[in-house]
Amino acid sequence: MVSRFSPLWRIIASCVALVAALLLVFSLVAGSDGNSKGSLTVDGHERTYEFHVPATHKTDQPVPLVLILHGRLGDGRGTAALTYFDKVSDAHGFLAVYPDGLHRSWADGRKVTDSDKEGIDDVKFLSELIHKLSSAHRIDGSRIYVAGISNGGFMTQRVACELSDQIAAAGVVAATMSEQIAASCHPNKPVSVLMMQGSLDTFVPIQGGAMGPNGSRGQILSLRATAEKWAGFDGCNSAPETSTLPDNARDGTTVQRESFSGCKERTEVVAYTVEGGGHTWPSGKQYLPAAIIGKTTRNLDGSETLWEFFARHSR
């Protein structure tokens, strides 16, 4: 039997991660129906996105904006299907936008994706996308948020670091913080951050360290170290409070919540650990078997929880 901590296991896990990422592209091709598509040109590249206008939208009232970033080899359309964020948009009246990374990846700062290697400025793209959407729709400039999974989660933290004057809060799923971003992050303003991470995520280890064989996919902080990093940026002055969510689903997962408060400008940092969870979006689509990506918890509604967190914070 191969130990989970042996070099061979890590190689096997890395290969499975690649296969899973490739399958993810095809498992989510159905995407969402009825959403609009848009594009803009940034640095000579045509950049595309899909967006969902809530059914209750009134053109004479400003609405919040939520950007949701896909994982590596994914796309915006598939992410809408994975997260069910359109339903949350309709229920709460915000504009949900699903941008597409070039080469199905984001330049998140780890220097391992195709976009990073090519020098794509995704921070600029997302900033210009916010400006374009704000011009086309009545966006509440004090209530702009970004969330993402995996590669999109790493990118979300880069956005929070570099666009803290535009972003009120950020949500990170199945990702922690890369060592490169941890060293270079200097937010101009405090940013509220919520994280969700599975304890059995073999693609992004919750304890941090090397991703992939010999760190081929980057070096990352642990979930706890990432939360403490953001708590430091936000000037939180109290010890974190911990609690356990009710195990209503009885699906083999439990959820621990850790919250840092007493932060500057009423920001907060919250980290959810999904014990027994994998590389998944809580209560999202189980896009591959649990044997490959791990379990998707039903004890936490990821999209609804993110919106409830975002709704508490404005710029």
Protein backbone atom coordinates (compact mmCIF):
# COMPACT_ATOMS: atom_id res chain seq x y z
CA MET A 1 0.00 0.00 0.00
CA VAL A 2 1.33 3.43 -0.94
CA SER A 3 1.47 5.92 1.94
CA ARG A 4 -0.35 9.23 1.43
CA PHE A 5 2.85 10.98 2.51
CA SER A 6 5.31 9.18 0.19
CA PRO A 7 6.85 10.81 -2.93
CA LEU A 8 5.09 8.20 -5.10
CA TRP A 9 1.72 9.18 -3.64
CA ARG A 10 2.39 12.84 -4.40
CA ILE A 11 3.24 11.96 -8.02
CA ILE A 12 0.06 9.88 -8.31
CA ALA A 13 -1.98 12.71 -6.79
CA SER A 14 -0.47 15.20 -9.24
CA CYS A 15 -1.33 13.00 -12.21
CA VAL A 16 -4.86 12.53 -10.92
CA ALA A 17 -5.11 16.31 -10.48
CA LEU A 18 -4.22 16.87 -14.13
CA VAL A 19 -6.71 14.27 -15.32
CA ALA A 20 -9.37 15.75 -13.06
CA ALA A 21 -8.74 19.24 -14.39
CA LEU A 22 -9.04 18.01 -17.97
CA LEU A 23 -12.26 16.15 -17.19
CA LEU A 24 -13.63 19.21 -15.42
CA VAL A 25 -13.65 21.08 -18.71
CA PHE A 26 -15.88 18.46 -20.30
CA SER A 27 -18.04 17.76 -17.27
CA LEU A 28 -19.23 21.35 -17.12
CA VAL A 29 -19.63 22.08 -20.83
CA ALA A 30 -23.39 22.23 -20.44
CA GLY A 31 -22.90 25.54 -18.65
CA SER A 32 -25.81 27.84 -17.98
CA ASP A 33 -28.51 28.85 -20.40
CA GLY A 34 -29.91 32.30 -20.92
CA ASN A 35 -26.93 34.33 -19.74
CA SER A 36 -25.46 37.13 -21.83
CA LYS A 37 -21.95 37.22 -23.24
CA GLY A 38 -19.58 40.14 -23.62
CA SER A 39 -16.01 40.97 -24.56
CA LEU A 40 -13.43 43.71 -24.38
CA THR A 41 -9.90 44.12 -25.67
CA VAL A 42 -7.05 44.40 -23.16
CA ASP A 43 -3.40 44.62 -24.23
CA GLY A 44 -4.31 43.35 -27.69
CA HIS A 45 -6.20 40.30 -26.41
CA GLU A 46 -9.94 39.82 -26.78
CA ARG A 47 -11.21 38.97 -23.33
CA THR A 48 -14.59 37.34 -22.89
CA TYR A 49 -17.07 36.88 -20.09
CA GLU A 50 -20.59 35.70 -19.33
CA PHE A 51 -22.95 37.59 -17.06
CA HIS A 52 -26.27 37.08 -15.38
CA VAL A 53 -28.67 39.94 -14.73
CA PRO A 54 -30.97 39.11 -11.79
CA ALA A 55 -34.63 38.62 -12.60
CA THR A 56 -35.53 41.37 -10.11
CA HIS A 57 -33.13 43.92 -11.63
CA LYS A 58 -34.43 47.47 -11.89
CA THR A 59 -32.42 49.70 -14.18
CA ASP A 60 -32.97 52.78 -12.02
CA GLN A 61 -31.35 51.24 -8.94
CA PRO A 62 -27.63 50.49 -8.43
CA VAL A 63 -26.84 46.81 -7.87
CA PRO A 64 -23.86 44.98 -6.34
CA LEU A 65 -21.43 43.19 -8.65
CA VAL A 66 -19.88 39.75 -8.01
CA LEU A 67 -17.11 38.37 -10.23
CA ILE A 68 -16.67 34.58 -10.03
CA LEU A 69 -13.37 33.18 -11.38
CA HIS A 70 -13.04 29.66 -12.76
CA GLY A 71 -10.36 27.10 -11.98
CA ARG A 72 -7.53 26.15 -14.31
CA LEU A 73 -8.78 24.65 -17.59
CA GLY A 74 -12.28 25.82 -16.75
CA ASP A 75 -14.27 28.75 -18.11
CA GLY A 76 -16.90 31.20 -17.01
CA ARG A 77 -19.84 29.28 -18.42
CA GLY A 78 -18.87 26.10 -16.62
CA THR A 79 -18.35 27.99 -13.37
CA ALA A 80 -21.91 29.29 -13.50
CA ALA A 81 -23.06 25.67 -13.70
CA LEU A 82 -20.69 24.52 -10.96
CA THR A 83 -21.59 27.16 -8.38
CA TYR A 84 -25.30 27.84 -9.02
CA PHE A 85 -24.48 31.52 -8.46
CA ASP A 86 -27.22 32.55 -10.92
CA LYS A 87 -29.85 31.36 -8.45
CA VAL A 88 -28.24 33.35 -5.66
CA SER A 89 -28.10 36.38 -7.97
CA ASP A 90 -31.83 36.11 -8.64
CA ALA A 91 -32.61 35.67 -4.94
CA HIS A 92 -30.58 38.66 -3.77
CA GLY A 93 -30.47 41.01 -6.76
CA PHE A 94 -26.78 41.33 -7.70
CA LEU A 95 -25.08 41.09 -11.09
CA ALA A 96 -23.09 37.83 -11.39
CA VAL A 97 -20.20 37.86 -13.87
CA TYR A 98 -18.07 34.91 -14.97
CA PRO A 99 -14.89 36.07 -16.75
CA ASP A 100 -12.77 33.79 -18.94
CA GLY A 101 -9.03 33.49 -18.40
CA LEU A 102 -6.83 33.22 -21.47
CA HIS A 103 -5.63 29.65 -22.11
CA ARG A 104 -8.31 28.63 -19.55
CA SER A 105 -6.05 29.90 -16.78
CA TRP A 106 -5.29 32.96 -14.64
CA ALA A 107 -1.99 34.73 -14.05
CA ASP A 108 -2.32 34.34 -10.30
CA GLY A 109 1.34 35.05 -9.47
CA ARG A 110 2.62 31.49 -8.96
CA LYS A 111 4.31 31.60 -12.40
CA VAL A 112 3.04 28.14 -13.30
CA THR A 113 -0.01 28.74 -15.52
CA ASP A 114 0.10 29.49 -19.23
CA SER A 115 -1.25 32.99 -18.60
CA ASP A 116 1.43 33.69 -15.99
CA LYS A 117 4.20 32.38 -18.22
CA GLU A 118 2.96 34.56 -21.08
CA GLY A 119 2.86 37.64 -18.86
CA ILE A 120 -0.88 38.22 -19.17
CA ASP A 121 -2.07 41.08 -16.97
CA ASP A 122 -5.25 39.60 -15.54
CA VAL A 123 -5.45 42.20 -12.79
CA LYS A 124 -5.72 44.84 -15.50
CA PHE A 125 -8.34 42.80 -17.37
CA LEU A 126 -10.53 42.41 -14.29
CA SER A 127 -10.14 46.06 -13.38
CA GLU A 128 -11.18 47.16 -16.87
CA LEU A 129 -14.04 44.66 -16.83
CA ILE A 130 -15.32 46.24 -13.61
CA HIS A 131 -15.16 49.67 -15.26
CA LYS A 132 -16.96 48.45 -18.37
CA LEU A 133 -19.73 46.78 -16.40
CA SER A 134 -20.08 49.86 -14.23
CA SER A 135 -20.61 51.94 -17.36
CA ALA A 136 -23.10 49.53 -18.92
CA HIS A 137 -25.10 48.83 -15.75
CA ARG A 138 -25.89 50.80 -12.62
CA ILE A 139 -23.30 49.16 -10.38
CA ASP A 140 -22.96 50.15 -6.74
CA GLY A 141 -19.26 51.02 -6.65
CA SER A 142 -19.07 50.40 -2.92
CA ARG A 143 -20.30 46.81 -3.31
CA ILE A 144 -18.00 45.06 -5.77
CA TYR A 145 -16.82 41.55 -4.87
CA VAL A 146 -14.68 38.78 -6.33
CA ALA A 147 -14.66 35.05 -5.66
CA GLY A 148 -12.92 32.08 -7.25
CA ILE A 149 -12.06 28.41 -7.03
CA SER A 150 -8.61 26.78 -7.30
CA ASN A 151 -6.55 28.82 -9.84
CA GLY A 152 -9.39 31.34 -9.65
CA GLY A 153 -9.09 31.35 -5.86
CA PHE A 154 -5.38 32.17 -6.04
CA MET A 155 -6.23 34.87 -8.59
CA THR A 156 -8.93 36.24 -6.28
CA GLN A 157 -6.33 36.90 -3.61
CA ARG A 158 -4.06 38.66 -6.10
CA VAL A 159 -7.01 40.86 -7.05
CA ALA A 160 -7.73 41.61 -3.39
CA CYS A 161 -4.09 42.57 -2.89
CA GLU A 162 -3.80 44.80 -5.96
CA LEU A 163 -7.35 46.16 -6.35
CA SER A 164 -8.21 46.76 -2.71
CA ASP A 165 -9.44 50.22 -3.64
CA GLN A 166 -12.12 48.62 -5.85
CA ILE A 167 -12.98 45.37 -4.06
CA ALA A 168 -14.98 45.37 -0.83
CA ALA A 169 -14.62 41.65 -0.09
CA ALA A 170 -13.18 38.47 -1.57
CA GLY A 171 -14.13 34.78 -1.43
CA VAL A 172 -11.60 31.97 -1.90
CA VAL A 173 -12.61 28.34 -2.49
CA ALA A 174 -10.18 25.39 -2.73
CA ALA A 175 -7.12 27.63 -2.63
CA THR A 176 -4.84 29.24 -0.09
CA MET A 177 -2.24 31.97 -0.69
CA SER A 178 0.89 31.44 -2.75
CA GLU A 179 4.22 32.37 -1.20
CA GLN A 180 4.84 34.83 -4.07
CA ILE A 181 1.65 36.76 -3.40
CA ALA A 182 2.18 36.58 0.36
CA ALA A 183 5.54 38.31 -0.13
CA SER A 184 4.28 40.97 -2.54
CA CYS A 185 0.79 41.73 -1.19
CA HIS A 186 0.42 45.27 0.12
CA PRO A 187 -3.29 46.24 0.01
CA ASN A 188 -4.00 49.96 0.00
CA LYS A 189 -7.15 49.34 2.06
CA PRO A 190 -8.45 46.57 4.31
CA VAL A 191 -10.40 43.85 2.47
CA SER A 192 -12.76 41.33 4.05
CA VAL A 193 -11.86 37.77 3.03
CA LEU A 194 -13.73 34.48 3.36
CA MET A 195 -12.06 31.13 2.63
CA MET A 196 -13.39 27.58 2.22
CA GLN A 197 -11.00 24.64 2.03
CA GLY A 198 -11.38 20.86 2.18
CA SER A 199 -9.15 19.01 4.63
CA LEU A 200 -8.68 16.18 2.10
CA ASP A 201 -7.97 18.39 -0.92
CA THR A 202 -5.06 16.59 -2.59
CA PHE A 203 -4.66 19.29 -5.25
CA VAL A 204 -4.26 22.25 -2.88
CA PRO A 205 -3.03 20.87 0.46
CA ILE A 206 -4.68 22.58 3.40
CA GLN A 207 -1.45 22.35 5.39
CA GLY A 208 0.44 24.30 2.71
CA GLY A 209 3.84 23.52 1.22
CA ALA A 210 4.55 22.22 -2.25
CA MET A 211 1.85 21.82 -4.88
CA GLY A 212 2.69 19.09 -7.39
CA PRO A 213 5.92 17.07 -7.59
CA ASN A 214 8.85 19.12 -6.24
CA GLY A 215 6.63 22.18 -6.04
CA SER A 216 5.96 22.23 -9.79
CA ARG A 217 2.65 24.03 -9.20
CA GLY A 218 4.00 26.44 -6.62
CA GLN A 219 4.62 26.82 -2.91
CA ILE A 220 1.64 27.86 -0.81
CA LEU A 221 0.73 28.84 2.72
CA SER A 222 -1.58 26.73 4.86
CA LEU A 223 -5.21 27.76 5.27
CA ARG A 224 -4.54 28.94 8.82
CA ALA A 225 -1.44 30.92 7.77
CA THR A 226 -3.42 32.49 4.92
CA ALA A 227 -6.20 33.55 7.29
CA GLU A 228 -3.64 34.99 9.69
CA LYS A 229 -1.98 36.85 6.80
CA TRP A 230 -5.25 38.55 5.89
CA ALA A 231 -6.00 39.23 9.54
CA GLY A 232 -2.65 41.00 9.71
CA PHE A 233 -3.38 43.06 6.60
CA ASP A 234 -6.75 44.04 8.05
CA GLY A 235 -5.37 44.86 11.49
CA CYS A 236 -7.62 42.40 13.31
CA ASN A 237 -6.91 42.68 17.03
CA SER A 238 -8.75 39.73 18.55
CA ALA A 239 -8.10 36.00 18.75
CA PRO A 240 -10.18 34.01 16.27
CA GLU A 241 -13.50 32.59 17.39
CA THR A 242 -14.20 29.00 16.39
CA SER A 243 -17.45 27.09 15.98
CA THR A 244 -18.80 23.94 14.31
CA LEU A 245 -21.70 24.01 11.88
CA PRO A 246 -24.57 21.54 12.41
CA ASP A 247 -24.02 18.19 10.66
CA ASN A 248 -27.41 18.22 8.97
CA ALA A 249 -26.34 16.50 5.75
CA ARG A 250 -24.75 13.43 7.36
CA ASP A 251 -22.59 13.09 4.25
CA GLY A 252 -19.29 12.28 5.92
CA THR A 253 -18.16 15.91 6.16
CA THR A 254 -18.25 18.44 8.96
CA VAL A 255 -17.49 22.15 8.82
CA GLN A 256 -15.40 24.21 11.23
CA ARG A 257 -15.64 28.01 11.16
CA GLU A 258 -12.88 30.35 12.35
CA SER A 259 -13.54 34.10 12.42
CA PHE A 260 -11.19 37.03 13.02
CA SER A 261 -12.90 40.26 14.08
CA GLY A 262 -11.93 43.62 15.55
CA CYS A 263 -10.48 44.56 12.18
CA LYS A 264 -9.98 47.94 10.52
CA GLU A 265 -12.93 49.58 8.78
CA ARG A 266 -15.27 46.82 10.01
CA THR A 267 -13.62 44.18 7.84
CA GLU A 268 -13.42 40.54 8.89
CA VAL A 269 -11.60 37.35 7.95
CA VAL A 270 -13.42 34.01 8.02
CA ALA A 271 -12.07 30.54 7.24
CA TYR A 272 -14.20 27.43 6.81
CA THR A 273 -12.46 24.06 7.03
CA VAL A 274 -14.49 21.27 5.46
CA GLU A 275 -13.36 18.18 7.34
CA GLY A 276 -13.55 15.29 4.90
CA GLY A 277 -14.07 17.63 1.95
CA GLY A 278 -12.07 17.69 -1.28
CA HIS A 279 -11.24 20.02 -4.16
CA THR A 280 -14.85 21.11 -4.49
CA TRP A 281 -17.31 23.99 -4.20
CA PRO A 282 -19.45 23.48 -1.06
CA SER A 283 -22.96 22.44 -2.15
CA GLY A 284 -21.89 22.91 -5.75
CA LYS A 285 -21.93 20.35 -8.52
CA GLN A 286 -20.03 17.11 -7.76
CA TYR A 287 -18.31 17.49 -11.11
CA LEU A 288 -16.27 14.27 -10.79
CA PRO A 289 -16.48 11.22 -8.53
CA ALA A 290 -15.37 11.70 -4.94
CA ALA A 291 -12.66 9.09 -5.51
CA ILE A 292 -10.95 11.59 -7.81
CA ILE A 293 -11.64 15.05 -6.36
CA GLY A 294 -12.99 14.31 -2.90
CA LYS A 295 -16.42 14.93 -1.41
CA THR A 296 -18.60 17.98 -1.91
CA THR A 297 -20.06 18.91 1.46
CA ARG A 298 -23.76 19.62 1.76
CA ASN A 299 -23.33 21.05 5.26
CA LEU A 300 -22.33 24.41 3.81
CA ASP A 301 -23.89 26.29 0.90
CA GLY A 302 -20.82 27.90 -0.64
CA SER A 303 -22.50 30.43 -2.92
CA GLU A 304 -25.16 31.50 -0.43
CA THR A 305 -22.56 31.80 2.35
CA LEU A 306 -20.33 33.90 0.15
CA TRP A 307 -23.18 36.26 -0.66
CA GLU A 308 -24.19 36.56 3.00
CA PHE A 309 -20.57 37.48 3.76
CA PHE A 310 -20.33 39.95 0.88
CA ALA A 311 -23.63 41.58 1.85
CA ARG A 312 -22.16 42.54 5.24
CA HIS A 313 -19.37 44.55 3.67
CA SER A 314 -19.15 47.62 1.50
CA ARG A 315 -16.37 49.97 0.50
